[in-house]
Amino acid sequence: ARDVAGVSLGMGLIEPGFAPAPYDPGRTVGRLRIPGVAEPAIDAAV
């Protein structure tokens, strides 16, 4: 879909009642580093 809300609606078409779970800001994100694959500008943007 064009945005996150649209993807969630799409999941609702697949699984009636599907609903996103609010993200806990106290949890961390693990940034996987895969050396030598992505262009530096792509890694920097992410």
All heavy atoms as atom14 arrays in JSON, in Angstrom:
{
  "sequence": "ARDVAGVSLGMGLIEPGFAPAPYDPGRTVGRLRIPGVAEPAIDAAV",
  "atom14_mask": [
    [1, 1, 1, 1, 1, 0, 0, 0, 0, 0, 0, 0, 0, 0],
    [1, 1, 1, 1, 1, 1, 1, 1, 1, 1, 1, 0, 0, 0],
    [1, 1, 1, 1, 1, 1, 1, 1, 0, 0, 0, 0, 0, 0],
    [1, 1, 1, 1, 1, 1, 1, 0, 0, 0, 0, 0, 0, 0],
    [1, 1, 1, 1, 1, 0, 0, 0, 0, 0, 0, 0, 0, 0],
    [1, 1, 1, 1, 0, 0, 0, 0, 0, 0, 0, 0, 0, 0],
    [1, 1, 1, 1, 1, 1, 1, 0, 0, 0, 0, 0, 0, 0],
    [1, 1, 1, 1, 1, 1, 0, 0, 0, 0, 0, 0, 0, 0],
    [1, 1, 1, 1, 1, 1, 1, 1, 0, 0, 0, 0, 0, 0],
    [1, 1, 1, 1, 0, 0, 0, 0, 0, 0, 0, 0, 0, 0],
    [1, 1, 1, 1, 1, 1, 1, 1, 0, 0, 0, 0, 0, 0],
    [1, 1, 1, 1, 0, 0, 0, 0, 0, 0, 0, 0, 0, 0],
    [1, 1, 1, 1, 1, 1, 1, 1, 0, 0, 0, 0, 0, 0],
    [1, 1, 1, 1, 1, 1, 1, 1, 0, 0, 0, 0, 0, 0],
    [1, 1, 1, 1, 1, 1, 1, 1, 1, 0, 0, 0, 0, 0],
    [1, 1, 1, 1, 1, 1, 1, 0, 0, 0, 0, 0, 0, 0],
    [1, 1, 1, 1, 0, 0, 0, 0, 0, 0, 0, 0, 0, 0],
    [1, 1, 1, 1, 1, 1, 1, 1, 1, 1, 1, 0, 0, 0],
    [1, 1, 1, 1, 1, 0, 0, 0, 0, 0, 0, 0, 0, 0],
    [1, 1, 1, 1, 1, 1, 1, 0, 0, 0, 0, 0, 0, 0],
    [1, 1, 1, 1, 1, 0, 0, 0, 0, 0, 0, 0, 0, 0],
    [1, 1, 1, 1, 1, 1, 1, 0, 0, 0, 0, 0, 0, 0],
    [1, 1, 1, 1, 1, 1, 1, 1, 1, 1, 1, 1, 0, 0],
    [1, 1, 1, 1, 1, 1, 1, 1, 0, 0, 0, 0, 0, 0],
    [1, 1, 1, 1, 1, 1, 1, 0, 0, 0, 0, 0, 0, 0],
    [1, 1, 1, 1, 0, 0, 0, 0, 0, 0, 0, 0, 0, 0],
    [1, 1, 1, 1, 1, 1, 1, 1, 1, 1, 1, 0, 0, 0],
    [1, 1, 1, 1, 1, 1, 1, 0, 0, 0, 0, 0, 0, 0],
    [1, 1, 1, 1, 1, 1, 1, 0, 0, 0, 0, 0, 0, 0],
    [1, 1, 1, 1, 0, 0, 0, 0, 0, 0, 0, 0, 0, 0],
    [1, 1, 1, 1, 1, 1, 1, 1, 1, 1, 1, 0, 0, 0],
    [1, 1, 1, 1, 1, 1, 1, 1, 0, 0, 0, 0, 0, 0],
    [1, 1, 1, 1, 1, 1, 1, 1, 1, 1, 1, 0, 0, 0],
    [1, 1, 1, 1, 1, 1, 1, 1, 0, 0, 0, 0, 0, 0],
    [1, 1, 1, 1, 1, 1, 1, 0, 0, 0, 0, 0, 0, 0],
    [1, 1, 1, 1, 0, 0, 0, 0, 0, 0, 0, 0, 0, 0],
    [1, 1, 1, 1, 1, 1, 1, 0, 0, 0, 0, 0, 0, 0],
    [1, 1, 1, 1, 1, 0, 0, 0, 0, 0, 0, 0, 0, 0],
    [1, 1, 1, 1, 1, 1, 1, 1, 1, 0, 0, 0, 0, 0],
    [1, 1, 1, 1, 1, 1, 1, 0, 0, 0, 0, 0, 0, 0],
    [1, 1, 1, 1, 1, 0, 0, 0, 0, 0, 0, 0, 0, 0],
    [1, 1, 1, 1, 1, 1, 1, 1, 0, 0, 0, 0, 0, 0],
    [1, 1, 1, 1, 1, 1, 1, 1, 0, 0, 0, 0, 0, 0],
    [1, 1, 1, 1, 1, 0, 0, 0, 0, 0, 0, 0, 0, 0],
    [1, 1, 1, 1, 1, 0, 0, 0, 0, 0, 0, 0, 0, 0],
    [1, 1, 1, 1, 1, 1, 1, 0, 0, 0, 0, 0, 0, 0]
  ],
  "atom14_positions": [
    [[0.85, -1.19, 0.0], [0.0, 0.0, 0.0], [0.88, 1.24, 0.0], [2.1, 1.15, 0.16], [-0.95, 0.01, 1.21], [0.0, 0.0, 0.0], [0.0, 0.0, 0.0], [0.0, 0.0, 0.0], [0.0, 0.0, 0.0], [0.0, 0.0, 0.0], [0.0, 0.0, 0.0], [0.0, 0.0, 0.0], [0.0, 0.0, 0.0], [0.0, 0.0, 0.0]],
    [[0.25, 2.4, -0.14], [1.04, 3.63, -0.21], [1.63, 4.01, 1.13], [2.63, 4.72, 1.19], [0.18, 4.78, -0.76], [-0.06, 4.68, -2.25], [-0.81, 5.87, -2.81], [-2.18, 5.93, -2.34], [-3.18, 5.21, -2.85], [-2.93, 4.34, -3.82], [-4.4, 5.33, -2.39], [0.0, 0.0, 0.0], [0.0, 0.0, 0.0], [0.0, 0.0, 0.0]],
    [[1.02, 3.56, 2.23], [1.51, 3.94, 3.55], [1.25, 2.81, 4.53], [0.68, 1.77, 4.19], [0.88, 5.26, 4.02], [-0.65, 5.22, 3.98], [-1.24, 4.12, 4.04], [-1.27, 6.3, 3.91], [0.0, 0.0, 0.0], [0.0, 0.0, 0.0], [0.0, 0.0, 0.0], [0.0, 0.0, 0.0], [0.0, 0.0, 0.0], [0.0, 0.0, 0.0]],
    [[1.68, 3.03, 5.75], [1.58, 1.99, 6.78], [0.12, 1.65, 7.07], [-0.24, 0.47, 7.23], [2.31, 2.42, 8.06], [2.15, 1.37, 9.15], [3.79, 2.67, 7.78], [0.0, 0.0, 0.0], [0.0, 0.0, 0.0], [0.0, 0.0, 0.0], [0.0, 0.0, 0.0], [0.0, 0.0, 0.0], [0.0, 0.0, 0.0], [0.0, 0.0, 0.0]],
    [[-0.72, 2.68, 7.15], [-2.14, 2.43, 7.43], [-2.74, 1.54, 6.35], [-3.55, 0.65, 6.64], [-2.89, 3.75, 7.53], [0.0, 0.0, 0.0], [0.0, 0.0, 0.0], [0.0, 0.0, 0.0], [0.0, 0.0, 0.0], [0.0, 0.0, 0.0], [0.0, 0.0, 0.0], [0.0, 0.0, 0.0], [0.0, 0.0, 0.0], [0.0, 0.0, 0.0]],
    [[-2.36, 1.77, 5.1], [-2.88, 0.95, 4.01], [-2.42, -0.49, 4.11], [-3.19, -1.42, 3.82], [0.0, 0.0, 0.0], [0.0, 0.0, 0.0], [0.0, 0.0, 0.0], [0.0, 0.0, 0.0], [0.0, 0.0, 0.0], [0.0, 0.0, 0.0], [0.0, 0.0, 0.0], [0.0, 0.0, 0.0], [0.0, 0.0, 0.0], [0.0, 0.0, 0.0]],
    [[-1.16, -0.7, 4.5], [-0.67, -2.07, 4.68], [-1.44, -2.76, 5.81], [-1.81, -3.94, 5.7], [0.84, -2.07, 4.97], [1.32, -3.44, 5.41], [1.61, -1.62, 3.73], [0.0, 0.0, 0.0], [0.0, 0.0, 0.0], [0.0, 0.0, 0.0], [0.0, 0.0, 0.0], [0.0, 0.0, 0.0], [0.0, 0.0, 0.0], [0.0, 0.0, 0.0]],
    [[-1.72, -2.03, 6.89], [-2.49, -2.62, 7.99], [-3.9, -2.97, 7.53], [-4.44, -4.03, 7.9], [-2.54, -1.65, 9.17], [-1.24, -1.43, 9.7], [0.0, 0.0, 0.0], [0.0, 0.0, 0.0], [0.0, 0.0, 0.0], [0.0, 0.0, 0.0], [0.0, 0.0, 0.0], [0.0, 0.0, 0.0], [0.0, 0.0, 0.0], [0.0, 0.0, 0.0]],
    [[-4.5, -2.12, 6.7], [-5.81, -2.45, 6.13], [-5.71, -3.69, 5.25], [-6.6, -4.54, 5.25], [-6.34, -1.28, 5.31], [-6.81, -0.05, 6.09], [-7.13, 1.09, 5.12], [-8.04, -0.39, 6.94], [0.0, 0.0, 0.0], [0.0, 0.0, 0.0], [0.0, 0.0, 0.0], [0.0, 0.0, 0.0], [0.0, 0.0, 0.0], [0.0, 0.0, 0.0]],
    [[-4.6, -3.8, 4.51], [-4.4, -4.98, 3.68], [-4.29, -6.25, 4.51], [-4.82, -7.3, 4.13], [0.0, 0.0, 0.0], [0.0, 0.0, 0.0], [0.0, 0.0, 0.0], [0.0, 0.0, 0.0], [0.0, 0.0, 0.0], [0.0, 0.0, 0.0], [0.0, 0.0, 0.0], [0.0, 0.0, 0.0], [0.0, 0.0, 0.0], [0.0, 0.0, 0.0]],
    [[-3.6, -6.16, 5.65], [-3.55, -7.32, 6.54], [-4.94, -7.66, 7.08], [-5.27, -8.82, 7.3], [-2.57, -7.08, 7.69], [-1.13, -7.38, 7.36], [-0.81, -9.1, 6.83], [-1.21, -10.04, 8.31], [0.0, 0.0, 0.0], [0.0, 0.0, 0.0], [0.0, 0.0, 0.0], [0.0, 0.0, 0.0], [0.0, 0.0, 0.0], [0.0, 0.0, 0.0]],
    [[-5.75, -6.62, 7.27], [-7.12, -6.87, 7.7], [-7.96, -7.59, 6.66], [-8.9, -8.31, 7.01], [0.0, 0.0, 0.0], [0.0, 0.0, 0.0], [0.0, 0.0, 0.0], [0.0, 0.0, 0.0], [0.0, 0.0, 0.0], [0.0, 0.0, 0.0], [0.0, 0.0, 0.0], [0.0, 0.0, 0.0], [0.0, 0.0, 0.0], [0.0, 0.0, 0.0]],
    [[-7.62, -7.39, 5.38], [-8.3, -8.15, 4.33], [-7.88, -9.62, 4.36], [-8.64, -10.5, 3.97], [-7.98, -7.56, 2.95], [-8.48, -6.15, 2.65], [-8.05, -5.72, 1.26], [-10.0, -6.06, 2.8], [0.0, 0.0, 0.0], [0.0, 0.0, 0.0], [0.0, 0.0, 0.0], [0.0, 0.0, 0.0], [0.0, 0.0, 0.0], [0.0, 0.0, 0.0]],
    [[-6.65, -9.87, 4.79], [-6.13, -11.24, 4.87], [-6.57, -11.92, 6.16], [-6.94, -13.1, 6.18], [-4.59, -11.22, 4.77], [-4.15, -10.72, 3.39], [-3.99, -12.59, 5.06], [-2.66, -10.45, 3.27], [0.0, 0.0, 0.0], [0.0, 0.0, 0.0], [0.0, 0.0, 0.0], [0.0, 0.0, 0.0], [0.0, 0.0, 0.0], [0.0, 0.0, 0.0]],
    [[-6.51, -11.14, 7.26], [-6.89, -11.65, 8.58], [-7.88, -10.67, 9.2], [-7.47, -9.64, 9.76], [-5.66, -11.76, 9.5], [-4.71, -12.88, 9.17], [-3.61, -13.01, 10.21], [-3.61, -12.25, 11.2], [-2.74, -13.86, 10.02], [0.0, 0.0, 0.0], [0.0, 0.0, 0.0], [0.0, 0.0, 0.0], [0.0, 0.0, 0.0], [0.0, 0.0, 0.0]],
    [[-9.16, -10.92, 9.1], [-10.14, -10.0, 9.71], [-9.82, -9.75, 11.19], [-9.5, -10.67, 11.94], [-11.46, -10.76, 9.53], [-11.23, -11.64, 8.34], [-9.79, -12.06, 8.42], [0.0, 0.0, 0.0], [0.0, 0.0, 0.0], [0.0, 0.0, 0.0], [0.0, 0.0, 0.0], [0.0, 0.0, 0.0], [0.0, 0.0, 0.0], [0.0, 0.0, 0.0]],
    [[-9.87, -8.49, 11.56], [-9.58, -8.11, 12.93], [-8.13, -7.78, 13.2], [-7.78, -7.39, 14.32], [0.0, 0.0, 0.0], [0.0, 0.0, 0.0], [0.0, 0.0, 0.0], [0.0, 0.0, 0.0], [0.0, 0.0, 0.0], [0.0, 0.0, 0.0], [0.0, 0.0, 0.0], [0.0, 0.0, 0.0], [0.0, 0.0, 0.0], [0.0, 0.0, 0.0]],
    [[-7.28, -7.89, 12.19], [-5.86, -7.55, 12.38], [-5.73, -6.1, 12.84], [-6.38, -5.2, 12.31], [-5.08, -7.74, 11.08], [-3.62, -7.37, 11.2], [-2.69, -8.31, 11.59], [-3.19, -6.07, 10.94], [-1.35, -7.98, 11.7], [-1.85, -5.73, 11.05], [-0.93, -6.68, 11.44], [0.0, 0.0, 0.0], [0.0, 0.0, 0.0], [0.0, 0.0, 0.0]],
    [[-4.87, -5.87, 13.83], [-4.65, -4.51, 14.34], [-3.19, -4.35, 14.75], [-2.63, -5.23, 15.4], [-5.56, -4.22, 15.53], [0.0, 0.0, 0.0], [0.0, 0.0, 0.0], [0.0, 0.0, 0.0], [0.0, 0.0, 0.0], [0.0, 0.0, 0.0], [0.0, 0.0, 0.0], [0.0, 0.0, 0.0], [0.0, 0.0, 0.0], [0.0, 0.0, 0.0]],
    [[-2.54, -3.24, 14.35], [-1.16, -3.0, 14.78], [-1.05, -2.9, 16.29], [-1.99, -2.47, 16.97], [-0.8, -1.67, 14.11], [-1.79, -1.51, 13.01], [-3.05, -2.18, 13.48], [0.0, 0.0, 0.0], [0.0, 0.0, 0.0], [0.0, 0.0, 0.0], [0.0, 0.0, 0.0], [0.0, 0.0, 0.0], [0.0, 0.0, 0.0], [0.0, 0.0, 0.0]],
    [[0.11, -3.28, 16.82], [0.41, -3.13, 18.25], [1.27, -1.89, 18.43], [2.28, -1.74, 17.73], [1.13, -4.36, 18.77], [0.0, 0.0, 0.0], [0.0, 0.0, 0.0], [0.0, 0.0, 0.0], [0.0, 0.0, 0.0], [0.0, 0.0, 0.0], [0.0, 0.0, 0.0], [0.0, 0.0, 0.0], [0.0, 0.0, 0.0], [0.0, 0.0, 0.0]],
    [[0.92, -0.97, 19.31], [1.73, 0.23, 19.51], [3.18, -0.14, 19.86], [3.43, -1.08, 20.63], [1.05, 0.95, 20.68], [-0.35, 0.42, 20.68], [-0.26, -0.99, 20.2], [0.0, 0.0, 0.0], [0.0, 0.0, 0.0], [0.0, 0.0, 0.0], [0.0, 0.0, 0.0], [0.0, 0.0, 0.0], [0.0, 0.0, 0.0], [0.0, 0.0, 0.0]],
    [[4.11, 0.6, 19.29], [5.52, 0.31, 19.55], [5.93, 0.86, 20.91], [5.61, 2.0, 21.26], [6.41, 0.93, 18.46], [7.85, 0.53, 18.61], [8.28, -0.72, 18.19], [8.78, 1.39, 19.2], [9.61, -1.12, 18.36], [10.1, 1.01, 19.36], [10.51, -0.24, 18.94], [11.82, -0.62, 19.1], [0.0, 0.0, 0.0], [0.0, 0.0, 0.0]],
    [[6.64, 0.05, 21.67], [7.13, 0.45, 23.0], [8.43, 1.24, 22.82], [9.46, 0.67, 22.43], [7.38, -0.81, 23.83], [7.95, -0.5, 25.21], [8.16, 0.68, 25.53], [8.21, -1.46, 25.97], [0.0, 0.0, 0.0], [0.0, 0.0, 0.0], [0.0, 0.0, 0.0], [0.0, 0.0, 0.0], [0.0, 0.0, 0.0], [0.0, 0.0, 0.0]],
    [[8.42, 2.55, 23.1], [9.63, 3.35, 22.89], [10.77, 2.96, 23.82], [11.92, 3.37, 23.6], [9.16, 4.78, 23.16], [7.95, 4.63, 24.02], [7.29, 3.35, 23.6], [0.0, 0.0, 0.0], [0.0, 0.0, 0.0], [0.0, 0.0, 0.0], [0.0, 0.0, 0.0], [0.0, 0.0, 0.0], [0.0, 0.0, 0.0], [0.0, 0.0, 0.0]],
    [[10.5, 2.15, 24.82], [11.56, 1.7, 25.7], [12.38, 0.55, 25.12], [13.44, 0.2, 25.66], [0.0, 0.0, 0.0], [0.0, 0.0, 0.0], [0.0, 0.0, 0.0], [0.0, 0.0, 0.0], [0.0, 0.0, 0.0], [0.0, 0.0, 0.0], [0.0, 0.0, 0.0], [0.0, 0.0, 0.0], [0.0, 0.0, 0.0], [0.0, 0.0, 0.0]],
    [[11.91, -0.03, 24.02], [12.63, -1.13, 23.39], [13.6, -0.6, 22.33], [13.32, 0.39, 21.65], [11.66, -2.11, 22.71], [10.67, -2.79, 23.64], [11.33, -3.75, 24.62], [12.21, -4.73, 23.97], [11.8, -5.82, 23.35], [10.51, -6.12, 23.26], [12.69, -6.67, 22.82], [0.0, 0.0, 0.0], [0.0, 0.0, 0.0], [0.0, 0.0, 0.0]],
    [[14.71, -1.26, 22.17], [15.71, -0.85, 21.19], [15.48, -1.52, 19.84], [14.77, -2.51, 19.72], [17.12, -1.21, 21.68], [17.17, -2.61, 21.96], [17.48, -0.42, 22.93], [0.0, 0.0, 0.0], [0.0, 0.0, 0.0], [0.0, 0.0, 0.0], [0.0, 0.0, 0.0], [0.0, 0.0, 0.0], [0.0, 0.0, 0.0], [0.0, 0.0, 0.0]],
    [[16.15, -0.95, 18.83], [16.18, -1.52, 17.48], [17.6, -1.98, 17.21], [18.56, -1.23, 17.4], [15.75, -0.49, 16.43], [16.09, -0.96, 15.03], [14.26, -0.21, 16.54], [0.0, 0.0, 0.0], [0.0, 0.0, 0.0], [0.0, 0.0, 0.0], [0.0, 0.0, 0.0], [0.0, 0.0, 0.0], [0.0, 0.0, 0.0], [0.0, 0.0, 0.0]],
    [[17.74, -3.23, 16.79], [19.05, -3.75, 16.42], [19.33, -3.45, 14.95], [18.63, -3.94, 14.07], [0.0, 0.0, 0.0], [0.0, 0.0, 0.0], [0.0, 0.0, 0.0], [0.0, 0.0, 0.0], [0.0, 0.0, 0.0], [0.0, 0.0, 0.0], [0.0, 0.0, 0.0], [0.0, 0.0, 0.0], [0.0, 0.0, 0.0], [0.0, 0.0, 0.0]],
    [[20.33, -2.62, 14.71], [20.68, -2.22, 13.33], [21.66, -3.25, 12.77], [22.85, -3.28, 13.14], [21.28, -0.82, 13.33], [21.87, -0.36, 11.99], [20.82, -0.28, 10.89], [21.32, 0.55, 9.8], [21.93, 0.07, 8.71], [22.12, -1.24, 8.57], [22.34, 0.91, 7.77], [0.0, 0.0, 0.0], [0.0, 0.0, 0.0], [0.0, 0.0, 0.0]],
    [[21.19, -4.12, 11.9], [22.06, -5.14, 11.32], [23.04, -4.49, 10.35], [22.65, -3.8, 9.41], [21.24, -6.19, 10.58], [20.49, -7.22, 11.43], [19.82, -8.24, 10.52], [21.42, -7.92, 12.4], [0.0, 0.0, 0.0], [0.0, 0.0, 0.0], [0.0, 0.0, 0.0], [0.0, 0.0, 0.0], [0.0, 0.0, 0.0], [0.0, 0.0, 0.0]],
    [[24.31, -4.73, 10.59], [25.37, -4.23, 9.71], [25.85, -5.38, 8.83], [26.33, -6.41, 9.32], [26.55, -3.71, 10.54], [26.19, -2.51, 11.41], [25.96, -1.26, 10.59], [25.46, -0.15, 11.4], [25.02, 1.0, 10.92], [25.02, 1.2, 9.6], [24.59, 1.94, 11.71], [0.0, 0.0, 0.0], [0.0, 0.0, 0.0], [0.0, 0.0, 0.0]],
    [[25.68, -5.22, 7.54], [26.1, -6.21, 6.55], [27.19, -5.55, 5.72], [26.91, -4.82, 4.76], [24.93, -6.67, 5.66], [23.69, -6.98, 6.51], [25.35, -7.85, 4.81], [23.88, -8.09, 7.51], [0.0, 0.0, 0.0], [0.0, 0.0, 0.0], [0.0, 0.0, 0.0], [0.0, 0.0, 0.0], [0.0, 0.0, 0.0], [0.0, 0.0, 0.0]],
    [[28.46, -5.73, 6.05], [29.54, -4.95, 5.45], [29.64, -5.16, 3.93], [29.47, -6.27, 3.42], [30.8, -5.47, 6.16], [30.31, -6.08, 7.43], [28.96, -6.64, 7.1], [0.0, 0.0, 0.0], [0.0, 0.0, 0.0], [0.0, 0.0, 0.0], [0.0, 0.0, 0.0], [0.0, 0.0, 0.0], [0.0, 0.0, 0.0], [0.0, 0.0, 0.0]],
    [[29.94, -4.05, 3.25], [30.27, -4.12, 1.84], [29.12, -4.38, 0.9], [29.35, -4.69, -0.28], [0.0, 0.0, 0.0], [0.0, 0.0, 0.0], [0.0, 0.0, 0.0], [0.0, 0.0, 0.0], [0.0, 0.0, 0.0], [0.0, 0.0, 0.0], [0.0, 0.0, 0.0], [0.0, 0.0, 0.0], [0.0, 0.0, 0.0], [0.0, 0.0, 0.0]],
    [[27.88, -4.24, 1.35], [26.74, -4.52, 0.48], [26.05, -3.23, 0.05], [26.0, -2.92, -1.14], [25.74, -5.48, 1.16], [24.52, -5.69, 0.28], [26.41, -6.81, 1.46], [0.0, 0.0, 0.0], [0.0, 0.0, 0.0], [0.0, 0.0, 0.0], [0.0, 0.0, 0.0], [0.0, 0.0, 0.0], [0.0, 0.0, 0.0], [0.0, 0.0, 0.0]],
    [[25.49, -2.48, 0.97], [24.77, -1.27, 0.61], [25.72, -0.12, 0.33], [26.8, -0.01, 0.94], [23.8, -0.88, 1.72], [0.0, 0.0, 0.0], [0.0, 0.0, 0.0], [0.0, 0.0, 0.0], [0.0, 0.0, 0.0], [0.0, 0.0, 0.0], [0.0, 0.0, 0.0], [0.0, 0.0, 0.0], [0.0, 0.0, 0.0], [0.0, 0.0, 0.0]],
    [[25.31, 0.75, -0.6], [26.07, 1.98, -0.83], [26.07, 2.82, 0.45], [25.08, 2.84, 1.18], [25.45, 2.77, -1.98], [25.55, 2.07, -3.32], [24.87, 2.86, -4.44], [24.23, 3.88, -4.14], [24.98, 2.42, -5.6], [0.0, 0.0, 0.0], [0.0, 0.0, 0.0], [0.0, 0.0, 0.0], [0.0, 0.0, 0.0], [0.0, 0.0, 0.0]],
    [[27.16, 3.54, 0.73], [27.22, 4.32, 1.97], [26.05, 5.29, 2.13], [25.55, 5.47, 3.26], [28.55, 5.06, 1.84], [29.4, 4.17, 0.99], [28.45, 3.55, 0.0], [0.0, 0.0, 0.0], [0.0, 0.0, 0.0], [0.0, 0.0, 0.0], [0.0, 0.0, 0.0], [0.0, 0.0, 0.0], [0.0, 0.0, 0.0], [0.0, 0.0, 0.0]],
    [[25.6, 5.91, 1.05], [24.49, 6.86, 1.15], [23.2, 6.17, 1.57], [22.37, 6.76, 2.28], [24.29, 7.59, -0.18], [0.0, 0.0, 0.0], [0.0, 0.0, 0.0], [0.0, 0.0, 0.0], [0.0, 0.0, 0.0], [0.0, 0.0, 0.0], [0.0, 0.0, 0.0], [0.0, 0.0, 0.0], [0.0, 0.0, 0.0], [0.0, 0.0, 0.0]],
    [[23.0, 4.93, 1.13], [21.8, 4.18, 1.52], [21.86, 3.85, 3.01], [20.89, 4.05, 3.76], [21.68, 2.9, 0.68], [21.53, 3.22, -0.81], [20.52, 2.04, 1.19], [20.24, 3.88, -1.19], [0.0, 0.0, 0.0], [0.0, 0.0, 0.0], [0.0, 0.0, 0.0], [0.0, 0.0, 0.0], [0.0, 0.0, 0.0], [0.0, 0.0, 0.0]],
    [[23.01, 3.34, 3.46], [23.16, 3.05, 4.89], [22.95, 4.3, 5.73], [22.27, 4.27, 6.77], [24.57, 2.48, 5.16], [24.62, 0.97, 5.1], [23.59, 0.31, 5.37], [25.7, 0.42, 4.77], [0.0, 0.0, 0.0], [0.0, 0.0, 0.0], [0.0, 0.0, 0.0], [0.0, 0.0, 0.0], [0.0, 0.0, 0.0], [0.0, 0.0, 0.0]],
    [[23.5, 5.42, 5.28], [23.37, 6.66, 6.03], [21.92, 7.12, 6.1], [21.46, 7.63, 7.14], [24.25, 7.75, 5.41], [0.0, 0.0, 0.0], [0.0, 0.0, 0.0], [0.0, 0.0, 0.0], [0.0, 0.0, 0.0], [0.0, 0.0, 0.0], [0.0, 0.0, 0.0], [0.0, 0.0, 0.0], [0.0, 0.0, 0.0], [0.0, 0.0, 0.0]],
    [[21.19, 6.99, 5.01], [19.79, 7.4, 4.99], [18.95, 6.55, 5.94], [18.08, 7.07, 6.66], [19.24, 7.3, 3.57], [0.0, 0.0, 0.0], [0.0, 0.0, 0.0], [0.0, 0.0, 0.0], [0.0, 0.0, 0.0], [0.0, 0.0, 0.0], [0.0, 0.0, 0.0], [0.0, 0.0, 0.0], [0.0, 0.0, 0.0], [0.0, 0.0, 0.0]],
    [[19.21, 5.24, 5.95], [18.49, 4.36, 6.87], [18.83, 4.71, 8.31], [17.95, 4.8, 9.18], [18.81, 2.89, 6.54], [18.36, 1.96, 7.66], [18.16, 2.5, 5.22], [0.0, 0.0, 0.0], [0.0, 0.0, 0.0], [0.0, 0.0, 0.0], [0.0, 0.0, 0.0], [0.0, 0.0, 0.0], [0.0, 0.0, 0.0], [0.0, 0.0, 0.0]]
  ]
}
